[in-house]
Amino acid sequence: MRTEVAEVLIDIEAQLRRLDLWDKIPPAKSALASTEPFCVDTLTLPQWLQFVFLPTLYRMLEEEQALPERCGIAPMAEEFFRGSGLATTDLIRALQQVDELLSREA
């Protein structure tokens, strides 16, 4: 399952890049220190994916830590991108995959 998660994380990154939603400059440390879910008060969802979600899961995989037992990012992404005009179907599909992988019953 860990390999599947890693593959989906790579796909999420690729989709963010394809949509030109990959930032070259990281946000301020204060923005990353938000205590709100998804850092909604300081980051956009693509920034949160790039600078919080992906690095955290990559680190967990590398350090062989236990992965989260629940994940529900796809609904947030659907709402965030609604009406944006961006072709986000593949990105949302990848987020649904990671949600399903991390939310499987053990």
N, C-alpha and C. Protein backbone atom coordinates (compact mmCIF):
# COMPACT_ATOMS: atom_id res chain seq x y z
N MET A 1 0.82 -1.19 0.00
CA MET A 1 0.00 0.00 0.00
C MET A 1 0.87 1.26 0.00
N ARG A 2 2.01 1.21 0.65
CA ARG A 2 2.87 2.39 0.72
C ARG A 2 3.35 2.80 -0.67
N THR A 3 3.64 1.82 -1.51
CA THR A 3 4.06 2.11 -2.88
C THR A 3 2.93 2.79 -3.64
N GLU A 4 1.72 2.30 -3.45
CA GLU A 4 0.56 2.92 -4.11
C GLU A 4 0.39 4.37 -3.67
N VAL A 5 0.56 4.62 -2.38
CA VAL A 5 0.44 5.99 -1.86
C VAL A 5 1.51 6.87 -2.50
N ALA A 6 2.74 6.39 -2.55
CA ALA A 6 3.83 7.17 -3.15
C ALA A 6 3.54 7.49 -4.61
N GLU A 7 3.01 6.53 -5.35
CA GLU A 7 2.69 6.75 -6.75
C GLU A 7 1.61 7.81 -6.92
N VAL A 8 0.61 7.79 -6.05
CA VAL A 8 -0.47 8.79 -6.13
C VAL A 8 0.06 10.17 -5.74
N LEU A 9 0.96 10.24 -4.77
CA LEU A 9 1.54 11.54 -4.40
C LEU A 9 2.31 12.14 -5.58
N ILE A 10 3.04 11.31 -6.29
CA ILE A 10 3.76 11.78 -7.48
C ILE A 10 2.77 12.28 -8.52
N ASP A 11 1.65 11.59 -8.66
CA ASP A 11 0.61 12.01 -9.61
C ASP A 11 0.00 13.34 -9.20
N ILE A 12 -0.24 13.52 -7.92
CA ILE A 12 -0.80 14.80 -7.44
C ILE A 12 0.15 15.93 -7.78
N GLU A 13 1.43 15.73 -7.51
CA GLU A 13 2.42 16.76 -7.85
C GLU A 13 2.41 17.05 -9.35
N ALA A 14 2.38 16.01 -10.16
CA ALA A 14 2.37 16.19 -11.62
C ALA A 14 1.14 16.97 -12.07
N GLN A 15 -0.02 16.68 -11.46
CA GLN A 15 -1.25 17.39 -11.84
C GLN A 15 -1.18 18.85 -11.43
N LEU A 16 -0.64 19.14 -10.26
CA LEU A 16 -0.49 20.54 -9.83
C LEU A 16 0.43 21.29 -10.80
N ARG A 17 1.49 20.64 -11.22
CA ARG A 17 2.42 21.27 -12.18
C ARG A 17 1.73 21.49 -13.52
N ARG A 18 0.99 20.47 -13.99
CA ARG A 18 0.29 20.56 -15.27
C ARG A 18 -0.70 21.73 -15.27
N LEU A 19 -1.34 21.95 -14.15
CA LEU A 19 -2.32 23.03 -14.03
C LEU A 19 -1.68 24.38 -13.72
N ASP A 20 -0.36 24.40 -13.66
CA ASP A 20 0.41 25.61 -13.33
C ASP A 20 0.04 26.13 -11.94
N LEU A 21 -0.16 25.21 -11.02
CA LEU A 21 -0.50 25.55 -9.64
C LEU A 21 0.65 25.23 -8.68
N TRP A 22 1.83 24.97 -9.24
CA TRP A 22 3.01 24.63 -8.44
C TRP A 22 3.81 25.90 -8.25
N ASP A 23 3.94 26.34 -7.01
CA ASP A 23 4.67 27.58 -6.71
C ASP A 23 6.17 27.34 -6.66
N LYS A 24 6.91 28.28 -7.21
CA LYS A 24 8.37 28.20 -7.16
C LYS A 24 8.90 28.74 -5.84
N ILE A 25 8.16 29.63 -5.23
CA ILE A 25 8.59 30.26 -3.98
C ILE A 25 7.66 29.80 -2.85
N PRO A 26 8.24 29.23 -1.80
CA PRO A 26 7.39 28.78 -0.69
C PRO A 26 6.78 29.96 0.06
N PRO A 27 5.64 29.73 0.70
CA PRO A 27 5.03 30.79 1.51
C PRO A 27 5.86 31.07 2.76
N ALA A 28 5.54 32.16 3.40
CA ALA A 28 6.23 32.52 4.64
C ALA A 28 6.03 31.43 5.70
N LYS A 29 6.98 31.30 6.58
CA LYS A 29 6.88 30.30 7.65
C LYS A 29 5.63 30.52 8.49
N SER A 30 5.23 31.77 8.66
CA SER A 30 4.03 32.05 9.45
C SER A 30 2.79 31.48 8.76
N ALA A 31 2.76 31.49 7.44
CA ALA A 31 1.62 30.92 6.72
C ALA A 31 1.56 29.41 6.91
N LEU A 32 2.71 28.79 6.99
CA LEU A 32 2.76 27.33 7.18
C LEU A 32 2.45 26.93 8.61
N ALA A 33 2.50 27.87 9.53
CA ALA A 33 2.27 27.58 10.94
C ALA A 33 0.80 27.67 11.33
N SER A 34 -0.07 27.87 10.38
CA SER A 34 -1.51 27.98 10.67
C SER A 34 -2.00 26.75 11.43
N THR A 35 -2.95 26.95 12.32
CA THR A 35 -3.55 25.84 13.04
C THR A 35 -4.92 25.46 12.47
N GLU A 36 -5.35 26.17 11.43
CA GLU A 36 -6.63 25.88 10.80
C GLU A 36 -6.50 24.67 9.87
N PRO A 37 -7.57 23.86 9.73
CA PRO A 37 -7.52 22.74 8.79
C PRO A 37 -7.17 23.25 7.39
N PHE A 38 -6.30 22.52 6.71
CA PHE A 38 -5.85 22.87 5.35
C PHE A 38 -5.20 24.25 5.29
N CYS A 39 -4.86 24.84 6.41
CA CYS A 39 -4.30 26.21 6.47
C CYS A 39 -5.17 27.19 5.67
N VAL A 40 -6.49 27.03 5.78
CA VAL A 40 -7.40 27.83 4.96
C VAL A 40 -7.27 29.33 5.18
N ASP A 41 -6.73 29.70 6.32
CA ASP A 41 -6.59 31.13 6.60
C ASP A 41 -5.31 31.74 6.03
N THR A 42 -4.39 30.89 5.57
CA THR A 42 -3.10 31.43 5.11
C THR A 42 -2.64 30.91 3.75
N LEU A 43 -3.18 29.77 3.30
CA LEU A 43 -2.74 29.17 2.03
C LEU A 43 -3.93 28.83 1.15
N THR A 44 -3.69 28.76 -0.14
CA THR A 44 -4.69 28.20 -1.04
C THR A 44 -4.59 26.67 -0.92
N LEU A 45 -5.58 25.96 -1.40
CA LEU A 45 -5.51 24.50 -1.34
C LEU A 45 -4.31 23.96 -2.11
N PRO A 46 -4.02 24.45 -3.33
CA PRO A 46 -2.83 23.95 -4.02
C PRO A 46 -1.54 24.20 -3.23
N GLN A 47 -1.44 25.35 -2.56
CA GLN A 47 -0.26 25.62 -1.74
C GLN A 47 -0.19 24.64 -0.57
N TRP A 48 -1.32 24.38 0.06
CA TRP A 48 -1.35 23.44 1.18
C TRP A 48 -0.90 22.06 0.71
N LEU A 49 -1.41 21.63 -0.46
CA LEU A 49 -0.99 20.33 -0.99
C LEU A 49 0.52 20.30 -1.21
N GLN A 50 1.05 21.35 -1.83
CA GLN A 50 2.47 21.40 -2.17
C GLN A 50 3.38 21.52 -0.96
N PHE A 51 3.02 22.38 -0.04
CA PHE A 51 3.95 22.72 1.04
C PHE A 51 3.67 22.04 2.37
N VAL A 52 2.51 21.42 2.52
CA VAL A 52 2.19 20.74 3.78
C VAL A 52 1.89 19.26 3.54
N PHE A 53 0.87 18.97 2.76
CA PHE A 53 0.41 17.59 2.58
C PHE A 53 1.46 16.69 1.95
N LEU A 54 1.93 17.06 0.76
CA LEU A 54 2.89 16.20 0.07
C LEU A 54 4.18 15.99 0.87
N PRO A 55 4.82 17.07 1.36
CA PRO A 55 6.05 16.84 2.14
C PRO A 55 5.83 15.99 3.39
N THR A 56 4.70 16.19 4.05
CA THR A 56 4.42 15.42 5.26
C THR A 56 4.30 13.94 4.94
N LEU A 57 3.53 13.62 3.90
CA LEU A 57 3.36 12.20 3.56
C LEU A 57 4.64 11.59 3.00
N TYR A 58 5.38 12.34 2.19
CA TYR A 58 6.67 11.83 1.70
C TYR A 58 7.59 11.49 2.88
N ARG A 59 7.64 12.40 3.86
CA ARG A 59 8.49 12.17 5.03
C ARG A 59 8.03 10.93 5.81
N MET A 60 6.73 10.79 5.98
CA MET A 60 6.19 9.64 6.69
C MET A 60 6.55 8.34 5.97
N LEU A 61 6.47 8.37 4.64
CA LEU A 61 6.84 7.19 3.86
C LEU A 61 8.32 6.88 4.00
N GLU A 62 9.16 7.91 3.87
CA GLU A 62 10.61 7.72 3.96
C GLU A 62 11.03 7.20 5.33
N GLU A 63 10.41 7.72 6.37
CA GLU A 63 10.76 7.33 7.74
C GLU A 63 9.99 6.11 8.21
N GLU A 64 9.20 5.53 7.31
CA GLU A 64 8.40 4.34 7.60
C GLU A 64 7.49 4.53 8.81
N GLN A 65 6.96 5.74 8.95
CA GLN A 65 6.00 6.04 10.02
C GLN A 65 4.62 5.53 9.61
N ALA A 66 3.77 5.36 10.58
CA ALA A 66 2.39 4.98 10.30
C ALA A 66 1.72 6.12 9.54
N LEU A 67 0.98 5.77 8.51
CA LEU A 67 0.27 6.76 7.72
C LEU A 67 -1.07 7.09 8.37
N PRO A 68 -1.65 8.24 8.04
CA PRO A 68 -2.96 8.58 8.60
C PRO A 68 -3.98 7.49 8.27
N GLU A 69 -4.91 7.30 9.17
CA GLU A 69 -5.94 6.27 8.98
C GLU A 69 -7.17 6.80 8.27
N ARG A 70 -7.25 8.10 8.15
CA ARG A 70 -8.38 8.71 7.44
C ARG A 70 -7.87 9.89 6.63
N CYS A 71 -8.49 10.11 5.50
CA CYS A 71 -8.11 11.23 4.66
C CYS A 71 -9.35 11.63 3.86
N GLY A 72 -9.58 12.92 3.73
CA GLY A 72 -10.76 13.40 3.01
C GLY A 72 -10.49 14.71 2.29
N ILE A 73 -9.49 14.70 1.41
CA ILE A 73 -9.10 15.92 0.72
C ILE A 73 -9.93 16.18 -0.55
N ALA A 74 -10.34 15.14 -1.23
CA ALA A 74 -11.04 15.31 -2.51
C ALA A 74 -12.27 16.21 -2.41
N PRO A 75 -13.13 16.06 -1.39
CA PRO A 75 -14.29 16.96 -1.30
C PRO A 75 -13.88 18.42 -1.15
N MET A 76 -12.82 18.68 -0.39
CA MET A 76 -12.32 20.04 -0.24
C MET A 76 -11.85 20.58 -1.59
N ALA A 77 -11.16 19.74 -2.36
CA ALA A 77 -10.66 20.15 -3.67
C ALA A 77 -11.82 20.41 -4.64
N GLU A 78 -12.82 19.56 -4.59
CA GLU A 78 -13.98 19.77 -5.47
C GLU A 78 -14.61 21.13 -5.20
N GLU A 79 -14.75 21.47 -3.94
CA GLU A 79 -15.34 22.76 -3.57
C GLU A 79 -14.40 23.91 -3.95
N PHE A 80 -13.11 23.76 -3.68
CA PHE A 80 -12.15 24.82 -3.98
C PHE A 80 -12.12 25.15 -5.48
N PHE A 81 -12.14 24.12 -6.31
CA PHE A 81 -12.00 24.33 -7.75
C PHE A 81 -13.32 24.55 -8.48
N ARG A 82 -14.44 24.40 -7.79
CA ARG A 82 -15.75 24.58 -8.43
C ARG A 82 -15.81 25.96 -9.08
N GLY A 83 -16.14 25.97 -10.35
CA GLY A 83 -16.28 27.23 -11.08
C GLY A 83 -14.97 27.88 -11.48
N SER A 84 -13.84 27.20 -11.25
CA SER A 84 -12.54 27.81 -11.57
C SER A 84 -12.22 27.78 -13.06
N GLY A 85 -12.87 26.89 -13.79
CA GLY A 85 -12.57 26.75 -15.21
C GLY A 85 -11.33 25.92 -15.48
N LEU A 86 -10.65 25.47 -14.44
CA LEU A 86 -9.46 24.64 -14.62
C LEU A 86 -9.87 23.18 -14.86
N ALA A 87 -9.08 22.49 -15.64
CA ALA A 87 -9.32 21.07 -15.93
C ALA A 87 -8.75 20.24 -14.78
N THR A 88 -9.49 20.15 -13.69
CA THR A 88 -8.98 19.53 -12.47
C THR A 88 -9.44 18.09 -12.27
N THR A 89 -10.09 17.50 -13.26
CA THR A 89 -10.63 16.15 -13.11
C THR A 89 -9.55 15.16 -12.69
N ASP A 90 -8.39 15.19 -13.34
CA ASP A 90 -7.32 14.23 -13.00
C ASP A 90 -6.74 14.50 -11.62
N LEU A 91 -6.62 15.76 -11.24
CA LEU A 91 -6.13 16.08 -9.91
C LEU A 91 -7.11 15.58 -8.85
N ILE A 92 -8.38 15.85 -9.04
CA ILE A 92 -9.38 15.40 -8.06
C ILE A 92 -9.43 13.88 -8.02
N ARG A 93 -9.29 13.23 -9.15
CA ARG A 93 -9.26 11.75 -9.18
C ARG A 93 -8.07 11.24 -8.36
N ALA A 94 -6.91 11.87 -8.49
CA ALA A 94 -5.73 11.46 -7.72
C ALA A 94 -5.96 11.69 -6.22
N LEU A 95 -6.60 12.79 -5.87
CA LEU A 95 -6.91 13.06 -4.47
C LEU A 95 -7.91 12.04 -3.93
N GLN A 96 -8.86 11.64 -4.76
CA GLN A 96 -9.80 10.60 -4.34
C GLN A 96 -9.06 9.29 -4.08
N GLN A 97 -8.07 9.00 -4.93
CA GLN A 97 -7.29 7.77 -4.74
C GLN A 97 -6.54 7.80 -3.42
N VAL A 98 -5.90 8.92 -3.11
CA VAL A 98 -5.16 8.99 -1.86
C VAL A 98 -6.13 8.92 -0.67
N ASP A 99 -7.29 9.54 -0.80
CA ASP A 99 -8.31 9.44 0.25
C ASP A 99 -8.67 7.97 0.49
N GLU A 100 -8.92 7.24 -0.59
CA GLU A 100 -9.31 5.83 -0.48
C GLU A 100 -8.19 4.98 0.10
N LEU A 101 -6.96 5.20 -0.36
CA LEU A 101 -5.84 4.41 0.15
C LEU A 101 -5.61 4.63 1.64
N LEU A 102 -5.69 5.89 2.07
CA LEU A 102 -5.41 6.18 3.47
C LEU A 102 -6.61 5.90 4.38
N SER A 103 -7.78 5.72 3.80
CA SER A 103 -8.97 5.50 4.62
C SER A 103 -9.40 4.04 4.63
N ARG A 104 -8.62 3.17 4.01
CA ARG A 104 -8.96 1.74 4.00
C ARG A 104 -8.96 1.18 5.41
N GLU A 105 -9.83 0.26 5.59
CA GLU A 105 -9.86 -0.45 6.88
C GLU A 105 -8.63 -1.36 6.95
N ALA A 106 -8.00 -1.39 8.08
CA ALA A 106 -6.78 -2.23 8.23
C ALA A 106 -7.16 -3.68 8.35
